Amino acid sequence: MILVLHDILSALKISDKIVVMDEGKIIRCGIPEEILRCGVIEKIYGVSVKSVNAGGKTEFYCTEALEV
């Protein structure tokens, strides 16, 4: 199944694999943890996102909006 989401936190939470696009071009794809580690969300969308593993479940949250 393919879903198009514009809410980064929702995409990270429910996706097995994420494709990050910018201006119609695929920039990066991978599992949510890989997408966070490579820093592409910060670079493209100007949002800092962190993950916390609590009780075997990974939660994602925005820490700050960055100037792009």
N, C-alpha and C. Protein backbone atom coordinates (compact mmCIF):
# COMPACT_ATOMS: atom_id res chain seq x y z
N MET A 1 0.84 -1.16 0.00
CA MET A 1 0.00 0.00 0.00
C MET A 1 0.90 1.24 0.00
N ILE A 2 0.49 2.24 -0.74
CA ILE A 2 1.22 3.51 -0.80
C ILE A 2 0.31 4.61 -0.27
N LEU A 3 0.83 5.40 0.67
CA LEU A 3 0.13 6.56 1.19
C LEU A 3 1.00 7.79 0.93
N VAL A 4 0.37 8.87 0.55
CA VAL A 4 1.08 10.14 0.40
C VAL A 4 0.73 10.98 1.62
N LEU A 5 1.75 11.25 2.44
CA LEU A 5 1.53 12.01 3.67
C LEU A 5 2.40 13.26 3.67
N HIS A 6 1.84 14.33 4.16
CA HIS A 6 2.59 15.57 4.29
C HIS A 6 2.90 15.87 5.75
N ASP A 7 2.40 15.05 6.65
CA ASP A 7 2.68 15.16 8.08
C ASP A 7 3.86 14.24 8.39
N ILE A 8 5.01 14.83 8.61
CA ILE A 8 6.24 14.05 8.79
C ILE A 8 6.14 13.09 9.96
N LEU A 9 5.60 13.53 11.08
CA LEU A 9 5.52 12.66 12.26
C LEU A 9 4.61 11.47 12.00
N SER A 10 3.49 11.69 11.34
CA SER A 10 2.59 10.57 11.01
C SER A 10 3.27 9.59 10.07
N ALA A 11 3.97 10.11 9.08
CA ALA A 11 4.67 9.25 8.13
C ALA A 11 5.71 8.39 8.85
N LEU A 12 6.49 8.99 9.75
CA LEU A 12 7.49 8.24 10.48
C LEU A 12 6.86 7.17 11.38
N LYS A 13 5.73 7.50 11.96
CA LYS A 13 5.08 6.60 12.92
C LYS A 13 4.45 5.37 12.25
N ILE A 14 3.81 5.54 11.10
CA ILE A 14 3.04 4.43 10.54
C ILE A 14 3.72 3.72 9.36
N SER A 15 4.86 4.22 8.91
CA SER A 15 5.47 3.67 7.70
C SER A 15 6.53 2.63 7.98
N ASP A 16 6.57 1.63 7.10
CA ASP A 16 7.66 0.66 7.10
C ASP A 16 8.84 1.20 6.29
N LYS A 17 8.51 1.96 5.25
CA LYS A 17 9.50 2.56 4.38
C LYS A 17 9.02 3.94 3.97
N ILE A 18 9.95 4.89 3.88
CA ILE A 18 9.61 6.27 3.55
C ILE A 18 10.42 6.69 2.33
N VAL A 19 9.74 7.41 1.44
CA VAL A 19 10.41 8.02 0.30
C VAL A 19 10.30 9.54 0.49
N VAL A 20 11.43 10.21 0.60
CA VAL A 20 11.45 11.66 0.78
C VAL A 20 11.61 12.29 -0.60
N MET A 21 10.70 13.21 -0.92
CA MET A 21 10.73 13.87 -2.22
C MET A 21 10.86 15.38 -2.04
N ASP A 22 11.48 16.01 -3.01
CA ASP A 22 11.59 17.46 -3.05
C ASP A 22 11.43 17.90 -4.50
N GLU A 23 10.44 18.75 -4.74
CA GLU A 23 10.14 19.24 -6.08
C GLU A 23 9.96 18.10 -7.08
N GLY A 24 9.26 17.04 -6.64
CA GLY A 24 8.94 15.92 -7.52
C GLY A 24 10.05 14.91 -7.72
N LYS A 25 11.18 15.09 -7.07
CA LYS A 25 12.31 14.16 -7.23
C LYS A 25 12.53 13.39 -5.94
N ILE A 26 12.84 12.10 -6.08
CA ILE A 26 13.15 11.27 -4.92
C ILE A 26 14.54 11.64 -4.43
N ILE A 27 14.61 12.03 -3.17
CA ILE A 27 15.87 12.43 -2.55
C ILE A 27 16.48 11.28 -1.75
N ARG A 28 15.63 10.54 -1.04
CA ARG A 28 16.11 9.46 -0.17
C ARG A 28 14.97 8.51 0.12
N CYS A 29 15.27 7.23 0.28
CA CYS A 29 14.25 6.28 0.75
C CYS A 29 14.90 5.32 1.73
N GLY A 30 14.08 4.83 2.66
CA GLY A 30 14.58 3.91 3.67
C GLY A 30 13.58 3.79 4.81
N ILE A 31 13.97 3.03 5.83
CA ILE A 31 13.12 2.88 7.00
C ILE A 31 13.18 4.19 7.80
N PRO A 32 12.18 4.47 8.63
CA PRO A 32 12.15 5.75 9.35
C PRO A 32 13.45 6.09 10.09
N GLU A 33 14.06 5.12 10.76
CA GLU A 33 15.28 5.39 11.51
C GLU A 33 16.41 5.85 10.59
N GLU A 34 16.52 5.24 9.39
CA GLU A 34 17.54 5.64 8.43
C GLU A 34 17.30 7.07 7.94
N ILE A 35 16.05 7.39 7.69
CA ILE A 35 15.70 8.73 7.21
C ILE A 35 16.08 9.77 8.27
N LEU A 36 15.85 9.47 9.53
CA LEU A 36 16.23 10.41 10.60
C LEU A 36 17.74 10.55 10.71
N ARG A 37 18.45 9.43 10.65
CA ARG A 37 19.92 9.46 10.82
C ARG A 37 20.62 10.26 9.73
N CYS A 38 20.12 10.21 8.52
CA CYS A 38 20.83 10.88 7.41
C CYS A 38 20.61 12.39 7.41
N GLY A 39 19.65 12.91 8.18
CA GLY A 39 19.45 14.35 8.30
C GLY A 39 18.69 15.00 7.16
N VAL A 40 18.11 14.21 6.26
CA VAL A 40 17.42 14.76 5.09
C VAL A 40 16.17 15.55 5.46
N ILE A 41 15.48 15.17 6.53
CA ILE A 41 14.27 15.90 6.94
C ILE A 41 14.63 17.31 7.36
N GLU A 42 15.71 17.45 8.11
CA GLU A 42 16.17 18.78 8.52
C GLU A 42 16.58 19.62 7.32
N LYS A 43 17.32 19.01 6.39
CA LYS A 43 17.83 19.75 5.24
C LYS A 43 16.70 20.22 4.32
N ILE A 44 15.75 19.36 4.04
CA ILE A 44 14.71 19.70 3.07
C ILE A 44 13.55 20.45 3.69
N TYR A 45 13.07 19.99 4.85
CA TYR A 45 11.85 20.54 5.42
C TYR A 45 12.09 21.54 6.55
N GLY A 46 13.32 21.65 7.02
CA GLY A 46 13.64 22.63 8.05
C GLY A 46 13.07 22.29 9.42
N VAL A 47 12.89 21.01 9.69
CA VAL A 47 12.33 20.56 10.97
C VAL A 47 13.26 19.53 11.58
N SER A 48 13.56 19.70 12.84
CA SER A 48 14.37 18.73 13.56
C SER A 48 13.46 17.71 14.22
N VAL A 49 13.65 16.43 13.89
CA VAL A 49 12.81 15.35 14.42
C VAL A 49 13.71 14.38 15.17
N LYS A 50 13.27 13.97 16.34
CA LYS A 50 14.01 13.00 17.15
C LYS A 50 13.12 11.79 17.43
N SER A 51 13.75 10.68 17.78
CA SER A 51 12.99 9.48 18.13
C SER A 51 13.36 9.03 19.53
N VAL A 52 12.39 8.44 20.21
CA VAL A 52 12.59 7.90 21.55
C VAL A 52 11.96 6.51 21.57
N ASN A 53 12.70 5.53 22.05
CA ASN A 53 12.17 4.19 22.17
C ASN A 53 11.69 4.00 23.60
N ALA A 54 10.38 3.85 23.74
CA ALA A 54 9.78 3.70 25.07
C ALA A 54 8.95 2.43 25.11
N GLY A 55 9.37 1.49 25.91
CA GLY A 55 8.62 0.25 26.05
C GLY A 55 8.52 -0.56 24.77
N GLY A 56 9.59 -0.53 23.96
CA GLY A 56 9.61 -1.28 22.72
C GLY A 56 8.91 -0.59 21.56
N LYS A 57 8.40 0.60 21.79
CA LYS A 57 7.70 1.34 20.75
C LYS A 57 8.47 2.63 20.48
N THR A 58 8.71 2.94 19.21
CA THR A 58 9.42 4.17 18.86
C THR A 58 8.44 5.29 18.64
N GLU A 59 8.69 6.40 19.32
CA GLU A 59 7.87 7.61 19.16
C GLU A 59 8.74 8.69 18.53
N PHE A 60 8.14 9.51 17.70
CA PHE A 60 8.85 10.59 17.02
C PHE A 60 8.26 11.93 17.46
N TYR A 61 9.11 12.94 17.57
CA TYR A 61 8.63 14.27 17.94
C TYR A 61 9.53 15.34 17.32
N CYS A 62 8.95 16.49 17.03
CA CYS A 62 9.70 17.63 16.51
C CYS A 62 10.34 18.35 17.69
N THR A 63 11.61 18.68 17.54
CA THR A 63 12.29 19.39 18.61
C THR A 63 12.35 20.89 18.32
N GLU A 64 12.38 21.28 17.05
CA GLU A 64 12.40 22.69 16.71
C GLU A 64 12.26 22.87 15.20
N ALA A 65 11.77 24.01 14.81
CA ALA A 65 11.74 24.38 13.40
C ALA A 65 13.02 25.14 13.11
N LEU A 66 13.67 24.79 12.03
CA LEU A 66 14.93 25.41 11.68
C LEU A 66 14.75 26.40 10.53
N GLU A 67 15.61 27.37 10.44
CA GLU A 67 15.59 28.28 9.30
C GLU A 67 16.22 27.59 8.12
N VAL A 68 15.51 27.64 6.98
CA VAL A 68 16.04 26.99 5.76
C VAL A 68 16.41 28.06 4.77
